[in-house]
């Protein structure tokens, strides 16, 4: 099956995020600012690059991880919005919080669409694993 356009966009965005983090780490500023947390930073970098690859290759594990990360991001952005409304208005955060909350909810709903799940081979009850499908057939 052909890769849906939205999945291609998500894969490219993950690649770009990973590349941005990689370039940032190459300037050596990470070691000065983060010290031992640089390892966590590089782990996040590897996660985004792996997600980009997995989404590009239509791996269901990448779709599932993207859904979880988008859920976490949506909750974080919602909390940011609540904090801005409670503590005072910061114009940038007031727009970014709700905007990114909506964006992450759209990503989640998109990745849960039946056509997109089918592209990842996740539309069957067994999660798209051929061995399980063969075993469950009468």
N, C-alpha and C. Protein backbone atom coordinates (compact mmCIF):
# COMPACT_ATOMS: atom_id res chain seq x y z
N UNK A 1 0.84 -1.18 0.00
CA UNK A 1 0.00 0.00 0.00
C UNK A 1 0.89 1.25 0.00
N UNK A 2 0.41 2.28 -0.66
CA UNK A 2 1.15 3.52 -0.75
C UNK A 2 1.07 4.29 0.57
N UNK A 3 2.15 4.98 0.90
CA UNK A 3 2.21 5.74 2.15
C UNK A 3 1.29 6.96 2.03
N UNK A 4 0.39 7.16 3.01
CA UNK A 4 -0.47 8.35 2.98
C UNK A 4 0.35 9.63 3.09
N UNK A 5 -0.14 10.70 2.49
CA UNK A 5 0.59 11.97 2.47
C UNK A 5 0.82 12.50 3.89
N UNK A 6 -0.16 12.36 4.76
CA UNK A 6 -0.01 12.84 6.13
C UNK A 6 1.10 12.10 6.88
N UNK A 7 1.25 10.83 6.61
CA UNK A 7 2.32 10.04 7.24
C UNK A 7 3.67 10.51 6.71
N UNK A 8 3.74 10.81 5.43
CA UNK A 8 4.98 11.34 4.86
C UNK A 8 5.36 12.66 5.52
N UNK A 9 4.38 13.53 5.73
CA UNK A 9 4.63 14.81 6.39
C UNK A 9 5.13 14.58 7.81
N UNK A 10 4.49 13.68 8.55
CA UNK A 10 4.93 13.39 9.92
C UNK A 10 6.34 12.81 9.95
N UNK A 11 6.64 11.93 9.00
CA UNK A 11 7.99 11.35 8.94
C UNK A 11 9.03 12.43 8.68
N UNK A 12 8.75 13.31 7.73
CA UNK A 12 9.69 14.39 7.41
C UNK A 12 9.86 15.33 8.61
N UNK A 13 8.77 15.65 9.30
CA UNK A 13 8.87 16.51 10.49
C UNK A 13 9.71 15.86 11.58
N UNK A 14 9.57 14.56 11.75
CA UNK A 14 10.41 13.86 12.74
C UNK A 14 11.87 13.87 12.32
N UNK A 15 12.14 13.65 11.02
CA UNK A 15 13.51 13.72 10.52
C UNK A 15 14.10 15.12 10.75
N UNK A 16 13.32 16.16 10.44
CA UNK A 16 13.80 17.52 10.61
C UNK A 16 14.07 17.85 12.08
N UNK A 17 13.20 17.38 12.98
CA UNK A 17 13.42 17.60 14.40
C UNK A 17 14.69 16.90 14.86
N UNK A 18 14.87 15.65 14.43
CA UNK A 18 16.08 14.92 14.78
C UNK A 18 17.32 15.59 14.22
N UNK A 19 17.25 16.08 12.98
CA UNK A 19 18.39 16.77 12.36
C UNK A 19 18.70 18.07 13.10
N UNK A 20 17.66 18.79 13.49
CA UNK A 20 17.84 20.04 14.23
C UNK A 20 18.54 19.77 15.57
N UNK A 21 18.09 18.74 16.27
CA UNK A 21 18.72 18.39 17.55
C UNK A 21 20.15 17.92 17.34
N UNK A 22 20.40 17.19 16.26
CA UNK A 22 21.75 16.71 15.97
C UNK A 22 22.69 17.88 15.69
N UNK A 23 22.24 18.82 14.86
CA UNK A 23 23.07 19.97 14.53
C UNK A 23 23.35 20.78 15.80
N UNK A 24 22.33 20.94 16.63
CA UNK A 24 22.52 21.66 17.90
C UNK A 24 23.56 20.99 18.78
N UNK A 25 23.56 19.68 18.79
CA UNK A 25 24.52 18.97 19.63
C UNK A 25 25.93 19.03 19.05
N UNK A 26 26.04 19.20 17.75
CA UNK A 26 27.35 19.23 17.11
C UNK A 26 28.11 20.52 17.41
N UNK A 27 27.42 21.55 17.79
CA UNK A 27 28.10 22.81 18.08
C UNK A 27 28.80 22.79 19.43
N UNK A 28 28.63 21.73 20.17
CA UNK A 28 29.34 21.59 21.44
C UNK A 28 28.75 22.40 22.57
N UNK A 29 27.69 23.14 22.27
CA UNK A 29 27.08 23.93 23.33
C UNK A 29 26.33 23.06 24.32
N UNK A 30 25.96 21.90 23.87
CA UNK A 30 25.24 20.97 24.74
C UNK A 30 26.03 20.62 25.99
N UNK A 31 27.27 20.29 25.80
CA UNK A 31 28.10 19.87 26.91
C UNK A 31 28.22 20.98 27.94
N UNK A 32 28.27 22.22 27.47
CA UNK A 32 28.38 23.35 28.39
C UNK A 32 27.08 23.59 29.14
N UNK A 33 25.95 23.45 28.45
CA UNK A 33 24.67 23.78 29.05
C UNK A 33 24.05 22.62 29.82
N UNK A 34 24.14 21.43 29.28
CA UNK A 34 23.40 20.32 29.85
C UNK A 34 24.25 19.33 30.64
N UNK A 35 25.52 19.29 30.41
CA UNK A 35 26.39 18.36 31.13
C UNK A 35 25.92 16.93 30.95
N UNK A 36 25.62 16.24 32.06
CA UNK A 36 25.22 14.83 31.95
C UNK A 36 23.87 14.64 31.25
N UNK A 37 23.07 15.70 31.16
CA UNK A 37 21.78 15.58 30.50
C UNK A 37 21.92 15.50 28.98
N UNK A 38 23.15 15.68 28.49
CA UNK A 38 23.39 15.57 27.05
C UNK A 38 23.02 14.19 26.54
N UNK A 39 23.21 13.17 27.38
CA UNK A 39 22.85 11.80 26.98
C UNK A 39 21.35 11.70 26.75
N UNK A 40 20.56 12.33 27.60
CA UNK A 40 19.10 12.33 27.42
C UNK A 40 18.75 13.07 26.13
N UNK A 41 19.42 14.17 25.89
CA UNK A 41 19.20 14.97 24.69
C UNK A 41 19.47 14.13 23.45
N UNK A 42 20.58 13.41 23.44
CA UNK A 42 20.91 12.57 22.29
C UNK A 42 19.93 11.40 22.16
N UNK A 43 19.40 10.93 23.28
CA UNK A 43 18.39 9.88 23.23
C UNK A 43 17.11 10.38 22.57
N UNK A 44 16.72 11.61 22.91
CA UNK A 44 15.53 12.21 22.28
C UNK A 44 15.80 12.41 20.79
N UNK A 45 17.01 12.83 20.46
CA UNK A 45 17.41 12.97 19.06
C UNK A 45 17.25 11.65 18.33
N UNK A 46 17.76 10.58 18.90
CA UNK A 46 17.66 9.25 18.29
C UNK A 46 16.20 8.81 18.16
N UNK A 47 15.38 9.16 19.16
CA UNK A 47 13.96 8.81 19.11
C UNK A 47 13.29 9.46 17.90
N UNK A 48 13.53 10.75 17.69
CA UNK A 48 12.90 11.44 16.56
C UNK A 48 13.39 10.88 15.22
N UNK A 49 14.67 10.61 15.12
CA UNK A 49 15.19 10.03 13.87
C UNK A 49 14.61 8.64 13.64
N UNK A 50 14.49 7.84 14.69
CA UNK A 50 13.90 6.50 14.57
C UNK A 50 12.43 6.58 14.20
N UNK A 51 11.72 7.53 14.79
CA UNK A 51 10.30 7.71 14.45
C UNK A 51 10.15 8.12 12.99
N UNK A 52 11.00 9.01 12.53
CA UNK A 52 10.95 9.40 11.12
C UNK A 52 11.13 8.20 10.21
N UNK A 53 12.12 7.37 10.54
CA UNK A 53 12.37 6.16 9.75
C UNK A 53 11.18 5.21 9.82
N UNK A 54 10.67 4.97 11.02
CA UNK A 54 9.57 4.04 11.19
C UNK A 54 8.30 4.49 10.48
N UNK A 55 8.00 5.79 10.55
CA UNK A 55 6.83 6.30 9.85
C UNK A 55 7.03 6.22 8.33
N UNK A 56 8.24 6.53 7.88
CA UNK A 56 8.53 6.46 6.44
C UNK A 56 8.35 5.04 5.91
N UNK A 57 8.77 4.06 6.71
CA UNK A 57 8.69 2.66 6.30
C UNK A 57 7.36 2.00 6.71
N UNK A 58 6.43 2.80 7.24
CA UNK A 58 5.10 2.32 7.66
C UNK A 58 5.19 1.22 8.72
N UNK A 59 6.00 1.43 9.71
CA UNK A 59 6.12 0.49 10.83
C UNK A 59 5.08 0.86 11.89
N UNK A 60 4.30 -0.10 12.30
CA UNK A 60 3.22 0.19 13.24
C UNK A 60 3.75 0.67 14.59
N UNK A 61 4.92 0.20 15.02
CA UNK A 61 5.47 0.67 16.29
C UNK A 61 5.70 2.18 16.25
N UNK A 62 6.07 2.72 15.11
CA UNK A 62 6.30 4.17 15.00
C UNK A 62 4.98 4.92 15.11
N UNK A 63 3.93 4.38 14.51
CA UNK A 63 2.61 5.00 14.61
C UNK A 63 2.16 5.03 16.06
N UNK A 64 2.36 3.92 16.77
CA UNK A 64 1.94 3.85 18.18
C UNK A 64 2.74 4.81 19.06
N UNK A 65 4.04 4.88 18.83
CA UNK A 65 4.87 5.80 19.63
C UNK A 65 4.50 7.24 19.30
N UNK A 66 4.23 7.54 18.04
CA UNK A 66 3.83 8.90 17.66
C UNK A 66 2.53 9.28 18.35
N UNK A 67 1.60 8.35 18.45
CA UNK A 67 0.33 8.62 19.13
C UNK A 67 0.60 8.94 20.60
N UNK A 68 1.43 8.14 21.27
CA UNK A 68 1.73 8.37 22.69
C UNK A 68 2.43 9.72 22.88
N UNK A 69 3.41 10.03 22.04
CA UNK A 69 4.12 11.31 22.16
C UNK A 69 3.18 12.49 21.89
N UNK A 70 2.28 12.33 20.94
CA UNK A 70 1.32 13.40 20.66
C UNK A 70 0.35 13.59 21.81
N UNK A 71 -0.02 12.49 22.48
CA UNK A 71 -0.87 12.61 23.67
C UNK A 71 -0.14 13.38 24.77
N UNK A 72 1.11 13.03 24.99
CA UNK A 72 1.90 13.71 26.02
C UNK A 72 2.06 15.19 25.68
N UNK A 73 2.32 15.48 24.41
CA UNK A 73 2.49 16.87 23.98
C UNK A 73 1.18 17.65 24.12
N UNK A 74 0.06 17.03 23.77
CA UNK A 74 -1.23 17.71 23.88
C UNK A 74 -1.53 18.06 25.34
N UNK A 75 -1.28 17.13 26.25
CA UNK A 75 -1.51 17.40 27.67
C UNK A 75 -0.57 18.50 28.15
N UNK A 76 0.70 18.45 27.75
CA UNK A 76 1.65 19.47 28.14
C UNK A 76 1.27 20.85 27.64
N UNK A 77 0.83 20.92 26.39
CA UNK A 77 0.41 22.20 25.82
C UNK A 77 -0.87 22.71 26.49
N UNK A 78 -1.75 21.80 26.84
CA UNK A 78 -2.97 22.20 27.55
C UNK A 78 -2.63 22.76 28.93
N UNK A 79 -1.68 22.11 29.63
CA UNK A 79 -1.24 22.62 30.93
C UNK A 79 -0.56 23.97 30.80
N UNK A 80 0.21 24.16 29.72
CA UNK A 80 0.83 25.46 29.45
C UNK A 80 -0.25 26.53 29.29
N UNK A 81 -1.29 26.21 28.55
CA UNK A 81 -2.38 27.17 28.33
C UNK A 81 -3.07 27.51 29.64
N UNK A 82 -3.33 26.50 30.46
CA UNK A 82 -3.98 26.74 31.76
C UNK A 82 -3.08 27.61 32.64
N UNK A 83 -1.78 27.34 32.64
CA UNK A 83 -0.85 28.14 33.42
C UNK A 83 -0.80 29.59 32.96
N UNK A 84 -0.83 29.80 31.65
CA UNK A 84 -0.81 31.16 31.10
C UNK A 84 -2.08 31.89 31.49
N UNK A 85 -3.20 31.21 31.41
CA UNK A 85 -4.47 31.85 31.76
C UNK A 85 -4.55 32.15 33.26
N UNK A 86 -3.96 31.28 34.07
CA UNK A 86 -4.01 31.46 35.53
C UNK A 86 -3.03 32.54 36.00
N UNK A 87 -1.81 32.53 35.46
CA UNK A 87 -0.75 33.39 35.99
C UNK A 87 -0.62 34.72 35.25
N UNK A 88 -1.25 34.87 34.17
CA UNK A 88 -1.12 36.11 33.41
C UNK A 88 -0.88 35.79 31.95
N UNK A 89 -1.16 36.75 31.14
CA UNK A 89 -1.12 36.53 29.70
C UNK A 89 0.27 36.78 29.13
N UNK A 90 0.77 35.78 28.47
CA UNK A 90 1.96 35.90 27.63
C UNK A 90 1.47 35.61 26.23
N UNK A 91 1.54 36.60 25.38
CA UNK A 91 0.91 36.51 24.06
C UNK A 91 1.37 35.29 23.27
N UNK A 92 2.67 35.02 23.27
CA UNK A 92 3.19 33.89 22.49
C UNK A 92 2.65 32.58 23.03
N UNK A 93 2.77 32.37 24.34
CA UNK A 93 2.29 31.13 24.94
C UNK A 93 0.78 30.98 24.83
N UNK A 94 0.08 32.09 24.85
CA UNK A 94 -1.38 32.03 24.75
C UNK A 94 -1.82 31.48 23.40
N UNK A 95 -1.01 31.72 22.36
CA UNK A 95 -1.34 31.18 21.04
C UNK A 95 -0.71 29.81 20.81
N UNK A 96 0.51 29.62 21.29
CA UNK A 96 1.20 28.35 21.06
C UNK A 96 0.55 27.20 21.83
N UNK A 97 0.16 27.42 23.07
CA UNK A 97 -0.44 26.35 23.87
C UNK A 97 -1.66 25.73 23.21
N UNK A 98 -2.70 26.53 22.96
CA UNK A 98 -3.89 25.95 22.30
C UNK A 98 -3.60 25.47 20.88
N UNK A 99 -2.75 26.18 20.16
CA UNK A 99 -2.44 25.80 18.78
C UNK A 99 -1.80 24.42 18.71
N UNK A 100 -0.79 24.20 19.56
CA UNK A 100 -0.12 22.90 19.55
C UNK A 100 -0.97 21.81 20.19
N UNK A 101 -1.87 22.18 21.10
CA UNK A 101 -2.81 21.19 21.63
C UNK A 101 -3.69 20.66 20.51
N UNK A 102 -4.26 21.57 19.73
CA UNK A 102 -5.12 21.18 18.61
C UNK A 102 -4.32 20.38 17.58
N UNK A 103 -3.11 20.84 17.26
CA UNK A 103 -2.28 20.13 16.29
C UNK A 103 -2.03 18.69 16.72
N UNK A 104 -1.70 18.48 17.98
CA UNK A 104 -1.41 17.12 18.45
C UNK A 104 -2.67 16.26 18.49
N UNK A 105 -3.82 16.84 18.80
CA UNK A 105 -5.07 16.08 18.76
C UNK A 105 -5.39 15.68 17.32
N UNK A 106 -5.13 16.57 16.37
CA UNK A 106 -5.35 16.26 14.95
C UNK A 106 -4.43 15.11 14.52
N UNK A 107 -3.17 15.14 14.96
CA UNK A 107 -2.23 14.06 14.63
C UNK A 107 -2.74 12.74 15.18
N UNK A 108 -3.20 12.74 16.43
CA UNK A 108 -3.71 11.51 17.06
C UNK A 108 -4.91 10.98 16.27
N UNK A 109 -5.86 11.85 15.98
CA UNK A 109 -7.06 11.42 15.25
C UNK A 109 -6.70 10.92 13.85
N UNK A 110 -5.73 11.57 13.22
CA UNK A 110 -5.30 11.13 11.88
C UNK A 110 -4.70 9.73 11.94
N UNK A 111 -3.81 9.50 12.90
CA UNK A 111 -3.15 8.20 12.99
C UNK A 111 -4.10 7.08 13.42
N UNK A 112 -5.25 7.44 13.96
CA UNK A 112 -6.25 6.44 14.36
C UNK A 112 -7.29 6.17 13.27
N UNK A 113 -7.21 6.91 12.17
CA UNK A 113 -8.16 6.68 11.07
C UNK A 113 -7.95 5.28 10.49
N UNK A 114 -9.03 4.60 10.10
CA UNK A 114 -8.91 3.25 9.57
C UNK A 114 -8.00 3.12 8.35
N UNK A 115 -8.04 4.11 7.44
CA UNK A 115 -7.20 4.04 6.25
C UNK A 115 -5.72 4.13 6.61
N UNK A 116 -5.40 4.97 7.58
CA UNK A 116 -4.01 5.13 8.01
C UNK A 116 -3.55 3.89 8.76
N UNK A 117 -4.40 3.37 9.64
CA UNK A 117 -4.06 2.13 10.35
C UNK A 117 -3.82 1.00 9.36
N UNK A 118 -4.63 0.95 8.32
CA UNK A 118 -4.48 -0.10 7.31
C UNK A 118 -3.14 0.04 6.59
N UNK A 119 -2.71 1.26 6.33
CA UNK A 119 -1.42 1.47 5.67
C UNK A 119 -0.28 0.92 6.52
N UNK A 120 -0.45 0.97 7.84
CA UNK A 120 0.56 0.43 8.76
C UNK A 120 0.35 -1.05 9.04
N UNK A 121 -0.70 -1.62 8.47
CA UNK A 121 -0.98 -3.03 8.70
C UNK A 121 -1.56 -3.30 10.07
N UNK A 122 -2.25 -2.31 10.64
CA UNK A 122 -2.75 -2.45 12.00
C UNK A 122 -4.26 -2.53 12.07
N UNK A 123 -4.92 -2.81 10.94
CA UNK A 123 -6.38 -2.80 10.95
C UNK A 123 -6.99 -4.10 11.43
N UNK A 124 -6.19 -5.17 11.47
CA UNK A 124 -6.73 -6.45 11.93
C UNK A 124 -6.67 -6.53 13.45
N UNK A 125 -7.50 -7.37 14.08
CA UNK A 125 -7.48 -7.51 15.53
C UNK A 125 -6.13 -7.98 16.07
N UNK A 126 -5.36 -8.65 15.25
CA UNK A 126 -4.07 -9.17 15.72
C UNK A 126 -2.96 -8.14 15.58
N UNK A 127 -3.29 -6.92 15.12
CA UNK A 127 -2.28 -5.90 14.98
C UNK A 127 -1.50 -6.00 13.69
N UNK A 128 -1.95 -6.78 12.74
CA UNK A 128 -1.30 -6.85 11.45
C UNK A 128 -0.19 -7.87 11.36
N UNK A 129 -0.02 -8.71 12.37
CA UNK A 129 1.04 -9.71 12.33
C UNK A 129 0.55 -10.93 11.56
N UNK A 130 1.19 -11.27 10.44
CA UNK A 130 0.72 -12.38 9.60
C UNK A 130 0.69 -13.70 10.34
N UNK A 131 1.65 -13.95 11.25
CA UNK A 131 1.69 -15.23 11.97
C UNK A 131 0.45 -15.40 12.84
N UNK A 132 0.05 -14.30 13.49
CA UNK A 132 -1.12 -14.37 14.36
C UNK A 132 -2.38 -14.51 13.51
N UNK A 133 -2.41 -13.82 12.35
CA UNK A 133 -3.58 -13.93 11.48
C UNK A 133 -3.74 -15.37 10.99
N UNK A 134 -2.64 -16.02 10.61
CA UNK A 134 -2.72 -17.40 10.13
C UNK A 134 -3.20 -18.32 11.23
N UNK A 135 -2.73 -18.10 12.44
CA UNK A 135 -3.11 -18.97 13.55
C UNK A 135 -4.57 -18.79 13.92
N UNK A 136 -5.10 -17.58 13.70
CA UNK A 136 -6.50 -17.34 14.10
C UNK A 136 -7.48 -17.71 13.02
N UNK A 137 -7.01 -17.98 11.79
CA UNK A 137 -7.93 -18.36 10.73
C UNK A 137 -8.40 -19.80 10.94
N UNK A 138 -9.70 -20.08 10.65
CA UNK A 138 -10.20 -21.44 10.85
C UNK A 138 -9.68 -22.43 9.85
